[in-house]
Amino acid sequence: MPKKAIRKYKSPRKKKQSPVILGMKVILVIILLFIFSIALISKKLFEEPSGVSTSYEQEFINELAENAKLIEVKYSVRPSVMIAQAILESNWGKSELAQKENNYYGIKGENPSSYATKEFEEDEWIEIDAQFRSYDSLFESMEDYAKLLQNGTEWDEDLYQEVIEAPTYEESAQALQTAGYATDPDYPEKVISVIETYELYKYDYDTIEQESKE
């Protein structure tokens, strides 16, 4: 039998893209890459860097610092610690106790109202209801806190003397824990962290005095 002729099929040739279309695609890719790059740069510019305060936080710090400078003159309480504790105890002035009673330091006292608070007892956190002092303003709360550190308590007038006399904010924060200001075992580290994160040490007189001599 005669062999069938085998037909060879040529693959269809791809149509060449016109230079105009190819050029437009290249331009489109370049534009997209440019837009993407701009978006990344903008994100980095407007992101809040770690440790840098927002406008609200800085305004709160400024208000605390202004009061702290006046109170330091009379009561010798270190401003950086005073500011850091107010931030911690009041959650940047947003706690219920700060909002309703102008109590920024969690100082207990007689009050018709009671508030839930956490205490660290026997190696665990528990929630209790307690009464806290009420004030007319932030300044009044800060001044009462300074009086407490300077005058101590009814049972120990020297209870917080080491907090005031400590030569550094680190030692002052540790003295708060030793005196029993807070039950949180990590309290000194938290106070120090706030001071260093927001550079509150720049409000301390001894730091300013030392820098001026250098």
N, C-alpha and C. Protein backbone atom coordinates (compact mmCIF):
# COMPACT_ATOMS: atom_id res chain seq x y z
N MET A 1 0.84 -1.20 0.00
CA MET A 1 0.00 0.00 0.00
C MET A 1 0.86 1.24 0.00
N PRO A 2 0.49 2.15 -0.79
CA PRO A 2 1.30 3.39 -0.83
C PRO A 2 1.21 4.15 0.51
N LYS A 3 2.32 4.63 0.96
CA LYS A 3 2.36 5.37 2.23
C LYS A 3 1.68 6.72 2.06
N LYS A 4 0.91 6.99 3.12
CA LYS A 4 0.24 8.30 3.11
C LYS A 4 1.25 9.41 3.35
N ALA A 5 1.09 10.40 2.63
CA ALA A 5 1.99 11.54 2.80
C ALA A 5 1.70 12.23 4.13
N ILE A 6 2.72 12.43 4.89
CA ILE A 6 2.56 13.08 6.20
C ILE A 6 2.66 14.58 6.01
N ARG A 7 1.60 15.23 6.40
CA ARG A 7 1.59 16.68 6.27
C ARG A 7 2.25 17.33 7.49
N LYS A 8 3.04 18.20 7.24
CA LYS A 8 3.68 18.96 8.32
C LYS A 8 2.96 20.30 8.48
N TYR A 9 2.49 20.44 9.72
CA TYR A 9 1.77 21.68 10.00
C TYR A 9 2.70 22.68 10.67
N LYS A 10 2.77 23.78 10.13
CA LYS A 10 3.58 24.84 10.74
C LYS A 10 2.75 25.55 11.80
N SER A 11 3.38 25.74 12.98
CA SER A 11 2.69 26.47 14.03
C SER A 11 2.44 27.89 13.56
N PRO A 12 1.27 28.37 13.86
CA PRO A 12 0.95 29.73 13.39
C PRO A 12 1.90 30.75 14.00
N ARG A 13 2.34 31.61 13.21
CA ARG A 13 3.25 32.65 13.69
C ARG A 13 2.51 33.66 14.55
N LYS A 14 3.17 33.97 15.64
CA LYS A 14 2.58 35.00 16.52
C LYS A 14 2.71 36.35 15.87
N LYS A 15 1.63 37.03 15.98
CA LYS A 15 1.66 38.37 15.41
C LYS A 15 2.53 39.28 16.25
N LYS A 16 3.38 39.95 15.64
CA LYS A 16 4.24 40.90 16.35
C LYS A 16 3.42 42.10 16.79
N GLN A 17 3.68 42.45 18.10
CA GLN A 17 2.98 43.63 18.61
C GLN A 17 3.58 44.88 18.00
N SER A 18 2.74 45.78 17.74
CA SER A 18 3.25 47.02 17.14
C SER A 18 4.08 47.77 18.17
N PRO A 19 5.08 48.47 17.74
CA PRO A 19 5.94 49.24 18.67
C PRO A 19 5.16 50.22 19.52
N VAL A 20 4.06 50.71 18.99
CA VAL A 20 3.25 51.68 19.74
C VAL A 20 2.62 51.02 20.96
N ILE A 21 2.01 49.82 20.76
CA ILE A 21 1.35 49.11 21.85
C ILE A 21 2.38 48.67 22.90
N LEU A 22 3.51 48.16 22.42
CA LEU A 22 4.57 47.73 23.33
C LEU A 22 5.08 48.90 24.17
N GLY A 23 5.24 50.02 23.50
CA GLY A 23 5.70 51.21 24.21
C GLY A 23 4.71 51.66 25.26
N MET A 24 3.42 51.56 24.93
CA MET A 24 2.38 51.97 25.88
C MET A 24 2.37 51.06 27.11
N LYS A 25 2.62 49.75 26.90
CA LYS A 25 2.68 48.81 28.02
C LYS A 25 3.85 49.13 28.94
N VAL A 26 4.98 49.44 28.35
CA VAL A 26 6.18 49.78 29.14
C VAL A 26 5.92 51.04 29.96
N ILE A 27 5.30 52.01 29.33
CA ILE A 27 4.99 53.26 30.03
C ILE A 27 4.03 53.02 31.19
N LEU A 28 3.03 52.14 30.96
CA LEU A 28 2.04 51.81 31.99
C LEU A 28 2.70 51.15 33.19
N VAL A 29 3.62 50.22 32.92
CA VAL A 29 4.35 49.55 34.02
C VAL A 29 5.16 50.55 34.82
N ILE A 30 5.81 51.46 34.12
CA ILE A 30 6.63 52.49 34.79
C ILE A 30 5.76 53.38 35.68
N ILE A 31 4.59 53.75 35.15
CA ILE A 31 3.67 54.61 35.92
C ILE A 31 3.20 53.89 37.18
N LEU A 32 2.84 52.59 37.03
CA LEU A 32 2.38 51.81 38.18
C LEU A 32 3.47 51.67 39.24
N LEU A 33 4.70 51.43 38.80
CA LEU A 33 5.83 51.33 39.73
C LEU A 33 6.06 52.66 40.44
N PHE A 34 5.91 53.76 39.72
CA PHE A 34 6.09 55.09 40.30
C PHE A 34 5.03 55.37 41.37
N ILE A 35 3.77 55.03 41.06
CA ILE A 35 2.68 55.23 42.02
C ILE A 35 2.91 54.39 43.27
N PHE A 36 3.33 53.16 43.09
CA PHE A 36 3.58 52.26 44.21
C PHE A 36 4.70 52.80 45.11
N SER A 37 5.74 53.32 44.48
CA SER A 37 6.86 53.88 45.23
C SER A 37 6.44 55.09 46.04
N ILE A 38 5.63 55.96 45.42
CA ILE A 38 5.13 57.15 46.11
C ILE A 38 4.28 56.76 47.31
N ALA A 39 3.46 55.72 47.13
CA ALA A 39 2.59 55.25 48.22
C ALA A 39 3.42 54.76 49.40
N LEU A 40 4.48 54.02 49.12
CA LEU A 40 5.35 53.51 50.20
C LEU A 40 6.04 54.65 50.93
N ILE A 41 6.54 55.63 50.16
CA ILE A 41 7.23 56.77 50.78
C ILE A 41 6.26 57.57 51.65
N SER A 42 5.05 57.78 51.15
CA SER A 42 4.05 58.54 51.91
C SER A 42 3.70 57.83 53.21
N LYS A 43 3.59 56.50 53.14
CA LYS A 43 3.25 55.73 54.34
C LYS A 43 4.32 55.89 55.39
N LYS A 44 5.58 55.85 54.99
CA LYS A 44 6.69 55.99 55.93
C LYS A 44 6.73 57.38 56.53
N LEU A 45 6.39 58.37 55.72
CA LEU A 45 6.44 59.76 56.20
C LEU A 45 5.36 60.04 57.23
N PHE A 46 4.18 59.47 57.02
CA PHE A 46 3.05 59.79 57.89
C PHE A 46 2.82 58.80 59.01
N GLU A 47 3.53 57.68 59.00
CA GLU A 47 3.41 56.74 60.11
C GLU A 47 4.03 57.35 61.35
N GLU A 48 3.43 57.10 62.51
CA GLU A 48 3.96 57.61 63.78
C GLU A 48 5.07 56.69 64.23
N PRO A 49 6.30 57.16 64.33
CA PRO A 49 7.40 56.30 64.75
C PRO A 49 7.18 55.78 66.17
N SER A 50 7.76 54.61 66.44
CA SER A 50 7.63 54.00 67.76
C SER A 50 8.24 54.90 68.82
N GLY A 51 7.51 55.10 69.90
CA GLY A 51 8.04 55.90 70.99
C GLY A 51 7.78 57.40 70.86
N VAL A 52 7.24 57.82 69.72
CA VAL A 52 6.95 59.24 69.53
C VAL A 52 5.49 59.49 69.89
N SER A 53 5.25 60.50 70.68
CA SER A 53 3.90 60.75 71.16
C SER A 53 3.01 61.35 70.08
N THR A 54 1.70 61.07 70.19
CA THR A 54 0.72 61.68 69.31
C THR A 54 0.48 63.10 69.80
N SER A 55 -0.29 63.87 69.03
CA SER A 55 -0.55 65.25 69.43
C SER A 55 -1.30 65.30 70.76
N TYR A 56 -2.26 64.35 70.95
CA TYR A 56 -3.01 64.33 72.22
C TYR A 56 -2.08 64.02 73.39
N GLU A 57 -1.24 63.01 73.21
CA GLU A 57 -0.32 62.63 74.28
C GLU A 57 0.64 63.76 74.63
N GLN A 58 1.14 64.45 73.59
CA GLN A 58 2.08 65.54 73.84
C GLN A 58 1.40 66.70 74.55
N GLU A 59 0.15 66.97 74.20
CA GLU A 59 -0.59 68.04 74.89
C GLU A 59 -0.80 67.68 76.36
N PHE A 60 -1.08 66.41 76.61
CA PHE A 60 -1.28 65.95 77.98
C PHE A 60 0.02 66.06 78.77
N ILE A 61 1.12 65.67 78.14
CA ILE A 61 2.44 65.78 78.78
C ILE A 61 2.77 67.24 79.07
N ASN A 62 2.49 68.11 78.12
CA ASN A 62 2.78 69.53 78.30
C ASN A 62 2.02 70.11 79.50
N GLU A 63 0.75 69.72 79.62
CA GLU A 63 -0.07 70.20 80.74
C GLU A 63 0.47 69.68 82.07
N LEU A 64 0.82 68.39 82.09
CA LEU A 64 1.39 67.80 83.30
C LEU A 64 2.71 68.46 83.66
N ALA A 65 3.54 68.69 82.65
CA ALA A 65 4.87 69.27 82.88
C ALA A 65 4.78 70.69 83.43
N GLU A 66 3.83 71.46 82.91
CA GLU A 66 3.65 72.84 83.39
C GLU A 66 3.29 72.85 84.87
N ASN A 67 2.39 71.94 85.26
CA ASN A 67 2.02 71.84 86.68
C ASN A 67 3.16 71.28 87.52
N ALA A 68 3.86 70.30 86.96
CA ALA A 68 4.93 69.63 87.69
C ALA A 68 6.06 70.60 88.07
N LYS A 69 6.35 71.53 87.18
CA LYS A 69 7.41 72.51 87.46
C LYS A 69 7.05 73.38 88.67
N LEU A 70 5.79 73.77 88.75
CA LEU A 70 5.34 74.59 89.88
C LEU A 70 5.34 73.78 91.18
N ILE A 71 4.89 72.54 91.09
CA ILE A 71 4.79 71.69 92.27
C ILE A 71 6.17 71.28 92.78
N GLU A 72 7.11 71.07 91.86
CA GLU A 72 8.47 70.68 92.24
C GLU A 72 9.10 71.71 93.17
N VAL A 73 8.89 72.97 92.87
CA VAL A 73 9.48 74.06 93.67
C VAL A 73 9.05 73.97 95.13
N LYS A 74 7.81 73.60 95.36
CA LYS A 74 7.26 73.58 96.71
C LYS A 74 7.45 72.25 97.43
N TYR A 75 7.38 71.15 96.66
CA TYR A 75 7.38 69.83 97.29
C TYR A 75 8.59 68.96 96.94
N SER A 76 9.43 69.42 96.04
CA SER A 76 10.66 68.71 95.67
C SER A 76 10.43 67.32 95.08
N VAL A 77 9.30 67.14 94.42
CA VAL A 77 9.01 65.86 93.77
C VAL A 77 9.54 65.90 92.34
N ARG A 78 10.21 64.85 91.95
CA ARG A 78 10.83 64.79 90.63
C ARG A 78 9.75 64.83 89.53
N PRO A 79 9.80 65.84 88.61
CA PRO A 79 8.78 65.98 87.56
C PRO A 79 8.63 64.76 86.67
N SER A 80 9.72 64.13 86.27
CA SER A 80 9.61 62.99 85.36
C SER A 80 8.79 61.87 85.95
N VAL A 81 8.99 61.60 87.24
CA VAL A 81 8.24 60.54 87.93
C VAL A 81 6.78 60.98 88.11
N MET A 82 6.59 62.23 88.47
CA MET A 82 5.25 62.78 88.66
C MET A 82 4.42 62.67 87.38
N ILE A 83 5.03 63.01 86.25
CA ILE A 83 4.35 62.95 84.97
C ILE A 83 4.08 61.51 84.56
N ALA A 84 5.10 60.66 84.70
CA ALA A 84 4.96 59.25 84.30
C ALA A 84 3.88 58.54 85.10
N GLN A 85 3.81 58.79 86.38
CA GLN A 85 2.79 58.15 87.21
C GLN A 85 1.38 58.61 86.82
N ALA A 86 1.23 59.88 86.53
CA ALA A 86 -0.08 60.38 86.10
C ALA A 86 -0.52 59.69 84.81
N ILE A 87 0.42 59.50 83.90
CA ILE A 87 0.12 58.83 82.63
C ILE A 87 -0.31 57.38 82.88
N LEU A 88 0.46 56.69 83.71
CA LEU A 88 0.16 55.29 83.99
C LEU A 88 -1.14 55.11 84.76
N GLU A 89 -1.27 55.86 85.85
CA GLU A 89 -2.42 55.68 86.75
C GLU A 89 -3.74 56.11 86.11
N SER A 90 -3.69 57.08 85.21
CA SER A 90 -4.93 57.59 84.62
C SER A 90 -5.15 57.15 83.18
N ASN A 91 -4.20 56.33 82.66
CA ASN A 91 -4.27 55.93 81.25
C ASN A 91 -4.41 57.16 80.35
N TRP A 92 -3.45 58.06 80.49
CA TRP A 92 -3.42 59.29 79.71
C TRP A 92 -4.65 60.17 79.94
N GLY A 93 -5.14 60.14 81.19
CA GLY A 93 -6.28 60.99 81.54
C GLY A 93 -7.61 60.46 81.07
N LYS A 94 -7.63 59.22 80.56
CA LYS A 94 -8.86 58.67 79.99
C LYS A 94 -9.58 57.70 80.93
N SER A 95 -8.99 57.41 82.07
CA SER A 95 -9.64 56.47 83.00
C SER A 95 -10.92 57.08 83.56
N GLU A 96 -11.81 56.22 84.02
CA GLU A 96 -13.07 56.69 84.60
C GLU A 96 -12.81 57.55 85.83
N LEU A 97 -11.81 57.16 86.60
CA LEU A 97 -11.47 57.90 87.82
C LEU A 97 -10.96 59.29 87.49
N ALA A 98 -10.17 59.41 86.44
CA ALA A 98 -9.66 60.72 86.03
C ALA A 98 -10.77 61.59 85.45
N GLN A 99 -11.62 60.97 84.65
CA GLN A 99 -12.69 61.71 83.98
C GLN A 99 -13.75 62.21 84.97
N LYS A 100 -14.11 61.38 85.94
CA LYS A 100 -15.20 61.73 86.86
C LYS A 100 -14.73 62.42 88.14
N GLU A 101 -13.54 62.08 88.61
CA GLU A 101 -13.09 62.59 89.91
C GLU A 101 -11.81 63.43 89.83
N ASN A 102 -11.27 63.61 88.63
CA ASN A 102 -9.99 64.32 88.48
C ASN A 102 -8.90 63.69 89.33
N ASN A 103 -8.99 62.39 89.52
CA ASN A 103 -7.98 61.66 90.30
C ASN A 103 -7.04 60.97 89.32
N TYR A 104 -5.82 61.49 89.20
CA TYR A 104 -4.87 61.00 88.21
C TYR A 104 -3.80 60.09 88.80
N TYR A 105 -3.87 59.82 90.10
CA TYR A 105 -2.83 59.02 90.75
C TYR A 105 -3.38 57.82 91.52
N GLY A 106 -4.65 57.57 91.41
CA GLY A 106 -5.23 56.42 92.09
C GLY A 106 -5.14 56.49 93.59
N ILE A 107 -5.17 57.70 94.14
CA ILE A 107 -5.09 57.87 95.59
C ILE A 107 -6.45 57.60 96.22
N LYS A 108 -6.47 56.67 97.16
CA LYS A 108 -7.72 56.27 97.80
C LYS A 108 -8.14 57.28 98.87
N GLY A 109 -9.45 57.33 99.13
CA GLY A 109 -9.98 58.23 100.14
C GLY A 109 -11.49 58.13 100.17
N GLU A 110 -12.09 58.87 101.09
CA GLU A 110 -13.54 58.81 101.24
C GLU A 110 -14.24 59.42 100.02
N ASN A 111 -15.26 58.70 99.57
CA ASN A 111 -16.01 59.15 98.40
C ASN A 111 -17.32 58.35 98.36
N PRO A 112 -18.44 59.01 98.11
CA PRO A 112 -19.71 58.28 98.02
C PRO A 112 -19.70 57.20 96.93
N SER A 113 -18.92 57.45 95.90
CA SER A 113 -18.84 56.49 94.80
C SER A 113 -17.64 55.57 94.97
N SER A 114 -17.76 54.37 94.44
CA SER A 114 -16.63 53.43 94.45
C SER A 114 -16.33 53.00 93.02
N TYR A 115 -15.09 52.60 92.79
CA TYR A 115 -14.65 52.24 91.45
C TYR A 115 -13.90 50.92 91.49
N ALA A 116 -14.02 50.17 90.40
CA ALA A 116 -13.32 48.89 90.30
C ALA A 116 -11.84 49.17 90.04
N THR A 117 -10.98 48.44 90.74
CA THR A 117 -9.55 48.58 90.55
C THR A 117 -8.88 47.21 90.68
N LYS A 118 -7.73 47.06 90.05
CA LYS A 118 -7.02 45.79 90.11
C LYS A 118 -5.86 45.87 91.09
N GLU A 119 -5.72 44.81 91.89
CA GLU A 119 -4.63 44.72 92.86
C GLU A 119 -3.93 43.37 92.66
N PHE A 120 -2.61 43.39 92.87
CA PHE A 120 -1.83 42.16 92.73
C PHE A 120 -1.60 41.57 94.12
N GLU A 121 -2.28 40.47 94.40
CA GLU A 121 -2.18 39.84 95.71
C GLU A 121 -1.96 38.34 95.57
N GLU A 122 -1.01 37.85 96.37
CA GLU A 122 -0.70 36.40 96.37
C GLU A 122 -0.46 35.88 94.96
N ASP A 123 0.39 36.61 94.24
CA ASP A 123 0.85 36.22 92.90
C ASP A 123 -0.25 36.17 91.84
N GLU A 124 -1.32 36.92 92.05
CA GLU A 124 -2.36 36.99 91.01
C GLU A 124 -3.10 38.31 91.09
N TRP A 125 -3.67 38.69 89.95
CA TRP A 125 -4.43 39.93 89.88
C TRP A 125 -5.88 39.66 90.28
N ILE A 126 -6.39 40.53 91.15
CA ILE A 126 -7.78 40.45 91.55
C ILE A 126 -8.43 41.82 91.35
N GLU A 127 -9.73 41.83 91.19
CA GLU A 127 -10.45 43.10 91.01
C GLU A 127 -11.30 43.38 92.25
N ILE A 128 -11.16 44.58 92.78
CA ILE A 128 -11.93 44.97 93.96
C ILE A 128 -12.58 46.32 93.71
N ASP A 129 -13.56 46.66 94.53
CA ASP A 129 -14.17 47.99 94.51
C ASP A 129 -13.57 48.81 95.64
N ALA A 130 -13.21 50.05 95.34
CA ALA A 130 -12.60 50.90 96.36
C ALA A 130 -13.05 52.35 96.17
N GLN A 131 -12.90 53.13 97.23
CA GLN A 131 -13.22 54.55 97.17
C GLN A 131 -11.94 55.35 96.92
N PHE A 132 -12.06 56.39 96.12
CA PHE A 132 -10.91 57.21 95.76
C PHE A 132 -11.23 58.68 95.99
N ARG A 133 -10.20 59.46 96.26
CA ARG A 133 -10.39 60.89 96.49
C ARG A 133 -10.88 61.58 95.22
N SER A 134 -11.61 62.66 95.44
CA SER A 134 -12.13 63.45 94.32
C SER A 134 -11.50 64.84 94.36
N TYR A 135 -11.18 65.38 93.19
CA TYR A 135 -10.53 66.69 93.10
C TYR A 135 -11.28 67.59 92.11
N ASP A 136 -11.00 68.86 92.21
CA ASP A 136 -11.64 69.82 91.31
C ASP A 136 -10.87 70.01 90.01
N SER A 137 -9.60 69.62 90.00
CA SER A 137 -8.79 69.84 88.80
C SER A 137 -7.60 68.90 88.77
N LEU A 138 -6.94 68.86 87.62
CA LEU A 138 -5.72 68.08 87.46
C LEU A 138 -4.64 68.60 88.40
N PHE A 139 -4.50 69.92 88.48
CA PHE A 139 -3.47 70.50 89.34
C PHE A 139 -3.69 70.10 90.80
N GLU A 140 -4.93 70.13 91.26
CA GLU A 140 -5.22 69.77 92.64
C GLU A 140 -4.85 68.31 92.91
N SER A 141 -5.11 67.45 91.93
CA SER A 141 -4.76 66.04 92.06
C SER A 141 -3.24 65.87 92.15
N MET A 142 -2.52 66.59 91.31
CA MET A 142 -1.05 66.51 91.30
C MET A 142 -0.46 67.04 92.60
N GLU A 143 -1.03 68.13 93.11
CA GLU A 143 -0.52 68.71 94.35
C GLU A 143 -0.77 67.78 95.54
N ASP A 144 -1.92 67.14 95.56
CA ASP A 144 -2.22 66.21 96.66
C ASP A 144 -1.29 65.01 96.62
N TYR A 145 -0.97 64.56 95.42
CA TYR A 145 0.00 63.47 95.24
C TYR A 145 1.37 63.88 95.79
N ALA A 146 1.79 65.11 95.46
CA ALA A 146 3.08 65.62 95.95
C ALA A 146 3.10 65.73 97.47
N LYS A 147 1.98 66.16 98.05
CA LYS A 147 1.87 66.24 99.51
C LYS A 147 2.01 64.86 100.14
N LEU A 148 1.42 63.87 99.49
CA LEU A 148 1.51 62.50 100.00
C LEU A 148 2.96 62.03 100.02
N LEU A 149 3.69 62.31 98.95
CA LEU A 149 5.10 61.88 98.90
C LEU A 149 5.94 62.64 99.93
N GLN A 150 5.66 63.92 100.09
CA GLN A 150 6.46 64.72 101.03
C GLN A 150 6.10 64.45 102.49
N ASN A 151 4.82 64.33 102.79
CA ASN A 151 4.38 64.19 104.19
C ASN A 151 4.13 62.76 104.63
N GLY A 152 4.11 61.83 103.69
CA GLY A 152 3.87 60.44 104.05
C GLY A 152 2.43 60.20 104.47
N THR A 153 2.25 59.16 105.27
CA THR A 153 0.91 58.79 105.74
C THR A 153 0.80 59.00 107.25
N GLU A 154 -0.39 58.78 107.78
CA GLU A 154 -0.61 58.94 109.21
C GLU A 154 0.26 57.98 110.02
N TRP A 155 0.50 56.81 109.48
CA TRP A 155 1.28 55.81 110.22
C TRP A 155 2.78 55.85 109.92
N ASP A 156 3.19 56.60 108.87
CA ASP A 156 4.62 56.71 108.56
C ASP A 156 4.86 57.95 107.72
N GLU A 157 5.29 59.02 108.38
CA GLU A 157 5.49 60.29 107.66
C GLU A 157 6.70 60.27 106.74
N ASP A 158 7.58 59.29 106.92
CA ASP A 158 8.76 59.20 106.05
C ASP A 158 8.63 58.10 105.00
N LEU A 159 7.43 57.63 104.78
CA LEU A 159 7.21 56.49 103.89
C LEU A 159 7.78 56.70 102.49
N TYR A 160 7.62 57.91 101.96
CA TYR A 160 8.05 58.17 100.58
C TYR A 160 9.27 59.09 100.47
N GLN A 161 9.99 59.24 101.55
CA GLN A 161 11.16 60.13 101.53
C GLN A 161 12.21 59.69 100.51
N GLU A 162 12.40 58.40 100.36
CA GLU A 162 13.40 57.91 99.40
C GLU A 162 12.98 58.20 97.96
N VAL A 163 11.70 58.30 97.73
CA VAL A 163 11.21 58.65 96.39
C VAL A 163 11.66 60.06 96.04
N ILE A 164 11.56 60.96 97.01
CA ILE A 164 11.94 62.36 96.80
C ILE A 164 13.46 62.54 96.78
N GLU A 165 14.15 61.83 97.68
CA GLU A 165 15.59 62.03 97.83
C GLU A 165 16.44 61.21 96.86
N ALA A 166 15.86 60.29 96.13
CA ALA A 166 16.62 59.45 95.20
C ALA A 166 17.35 60.31 94.17
N PRO A 167 18.62 60.03 93.88
CA PRO A 167 19.39 60.86 92.96
C PRO A 167 19.04 60.69 91.48
N THR A 168 18.32 59.62 91.13
CA THR A 168 17.94 59.39 89.74
C THR A 168 16.47 58.99 89.66
N TYR A 169 15.90 59.14 88.48
CA TYR A 169 14.50 58.75 88.32
C TYR A 169 14.32 57.24 88.43
N GLU A 170 15.38 56.48 88.05
CA GLU A 170 15.30 55.02 88.17
C GLU A 170 15.17 54.61 89.64
N GLU A 171 15.99 55.22 90.49
CA GLU A 171 15.95 54.89 91.92
C GLU A 171 14.67 55.40 92.57
N SER A 172 14.18 56.53 92.07
CA SER A 172 12.93 57.09 92.58
C SER A 172 11.76 56.15 92.26
N ALA A 173 11.77 55.60 91.04
CA ALA A 173 10.71 54.67 90.63
C ALA A 173 10.78 53.39 91.47
N GLN A 174 11.98 52.93 91.75
CA GLN A 174 12.14 51.72 92.57
C GLN A 174 11.67 51.97 94.00
N ALA A 175 11.94 53.18 94.50
CA ALA A 175 11.53 53.53 95.87
C ALA A 175 10.00 53.54 96.01
N LEU A 176 9.30 53.87 94.95
CA LEU A 176 7.83 53.83 94.97
C LEU A 176 7.35 52.41 95.26
N GLN A 177 8.01 51.45 94.61
CA GLN A 177 7.64 50.05 94.81
C GLN A 177 7.97 49.59 96.23
N THR A 178 9.14 49.99 96.70
CA THR A 178 9.58 49.60 98.05
C THR A 178 8.63 50.15 99.11
N ALA A 179 8.15 51.38 98.89
CA ALA A 179 7.25 52.02 99.85
C ALA A 179 5.84 51.48 99.77
N GLY A 180 5.54 50.74 98.70
CA GLY A 180 4.23 50.14 98.56
C GLY A 180 3.20 51.02 97.88
N TYR A 181 3.66 51.95 97.04
CA TYR A 181 2.70 52.82 96.35
C TYR A 181 1.76 52.00 95.48
N ALA A 182 2.30 50.98 94.82
CA ALA A 182 1.48 50.13 93.94
C ALA A 182 1.80 48.66 94.22
N THR A 183 0.81 47.81 94.00
CA THR A 183 1.01 46.38 94.23
C THR A 183 1.60 45.68 93.00
N ASP A 184 1.58 46.34 91.86
CA ASP A 184 2.11 45.76 90.62
C ASP A 184 3.61 45.51 90.78
N PRO A 185 4.07 44.26 90.66
CA PRO A 185 5.50 43.97 90.83
C PRO A 185 6.38 44.59 89.75
N ASP A 186 5.77 44.94 88.61
CA ASP A 186 6.52 45.55 87.51
C ASP A 186 6.38 47.07 87.47
N TYR A 187 5.86 47.64 88.53
CA TYR A 187 5.56 49.08 88.54
C TYR A 187 6.79 49.95 88.26
N PRO A 188 7.93 49.69 88.92
CA PRO A 188 9.11 50.55 88.64
C PRO A 188 9.52 50.51 87.17
N GLU A 189 9.51 49.32 86.58
CA GLU A 189 9.90 49.19 85.18
C GLU A 189 8.93 49.95 84.27
N LYS A 190 7.66 49.95 84.61
CA LYS A 190 6.66 50.65 83.80
C LYS A 190 6.84 52.16 83.90
N VAL A 191 7.12 52.65 85.10
CA VAL A 191 7.36 54.09 85.29
C VAL A 191 8.60 54.51 84.50
N ILE A 192 9.67 53.74 84.61
CA ILE A 192 10.93 54.05 83.92
C ILE A 192 10.72 54.01 82.41
N SER A 193 9.96 53.01 81.93
CA SER A 193 9.71 52.88 80.49
C SER A 193 8.99 54.11 79.94
N VAL A 194 7.99 54.60 80.66
CA VAL A 194 7.26 55.79 80.22
C VAL A 194 8.19 57.00 80.20
N ILE A 195 9.01 57.14 81.23
CA ILE A 195 9.95 58.27 81.30
C ILE A 195 10.89 58.26 80.11
N GLU A 196 11.44 57.09 79.79
CA GLU A 196 12.45 57.01 78.73
C GLU A 196 11.81 57.05 77.34
N THR A 197 10.64 56.47 77.20
CA THR A 197 9.96 56.49 75.89
C THR A 197 9.62 57.91 75.47
N TYR A 198 9.14 58.71 76.42
CA TYR A 198 8.70 60.07 76.11
C TYR A 198 9.70 61.14 76.57
N GLU A 199 10.89 60.68 76.96
CA GLU A 199 11.98 61.58 77.35
C GLU A 199 11.55 62.58 78.44
N LEU A 200 10.84 62.07 79.42
CA LEU A 200 10.34 62.94 80.49
C LEU A 200 11.45 63.41 81.42
N TYR A 201 12.60 62.74 81.38
CA TYR A 201 13.73 63.14 82.22
C TYR A 201 14.20 64.56 81.90
N LYS A 202 13.85 65.07 80.73
CA LYS A 202 14.27 66.42 80.37
C LYS A 202 13.58 67.49 81.22
N TYR A 203 12.53 67.09 81.95
CA TYR A 203 11.84 68.04 82.82
C TYR A 203 12.44 68.08 84.23
N ASP A 204 13.37 67.18 84.52
CA ASP A 204 13.99 67.15 85.85
C ASP A 204 15.02 68.26 85.99
N TYR A 205 14.99 68.93 87.12
CA TYR A 205 15.89 70.07 87.34
C TYR A 205 17.35 69.64 87.30
N ASP A 206 17.68 68.51 87.95
CA ASP A 206 19.08 68.10 88.02
C ASP A 206 19.62 67.75 86.63
N THR A 207 18.77 67.19 85.76
CA THR A 207 19.19 66.87 84.40
C THR A 207 19.44 68.13 83.60
N ILE A 208 18.53 69.09 83.73
CA ILE A 208 18.68 70.37 83.02
C ILE A 208 19.93 71.10 83.50
N GLU A 209 20.16 71.08 84.82
CA GLU A 209 21.31 71.77 85.40
C GLU A 209 22.61 71.14 84.91
N GLN A 210 22.64 69.80 84.84
CA GLN A 210 23.83 69.11 84.39
C GLN A 210 24.13 69.41 82.93
N GLU A 211 23.08 69.42 82.10
CA GLU A 211 23.25 69.69 80.67
C GLU A 211 23.75 71.11 80.44
N SER A 212 23.32 72.06 81.26
CA SER A 212 23.74 73.45 81.09
C SER A 212 25.23 73.65 81.44
N LYS A 213 25.75 72.76 82.30
CA LYS A 213 27.15 72.85 82.68
C LYS A 213 28.09 72.24 81.65
N GLU A 214 27.55 71.32 80.83
CA GLU A 214 28.37 70.63 79.85
C GLU A 214 28.68 71.51 78.65
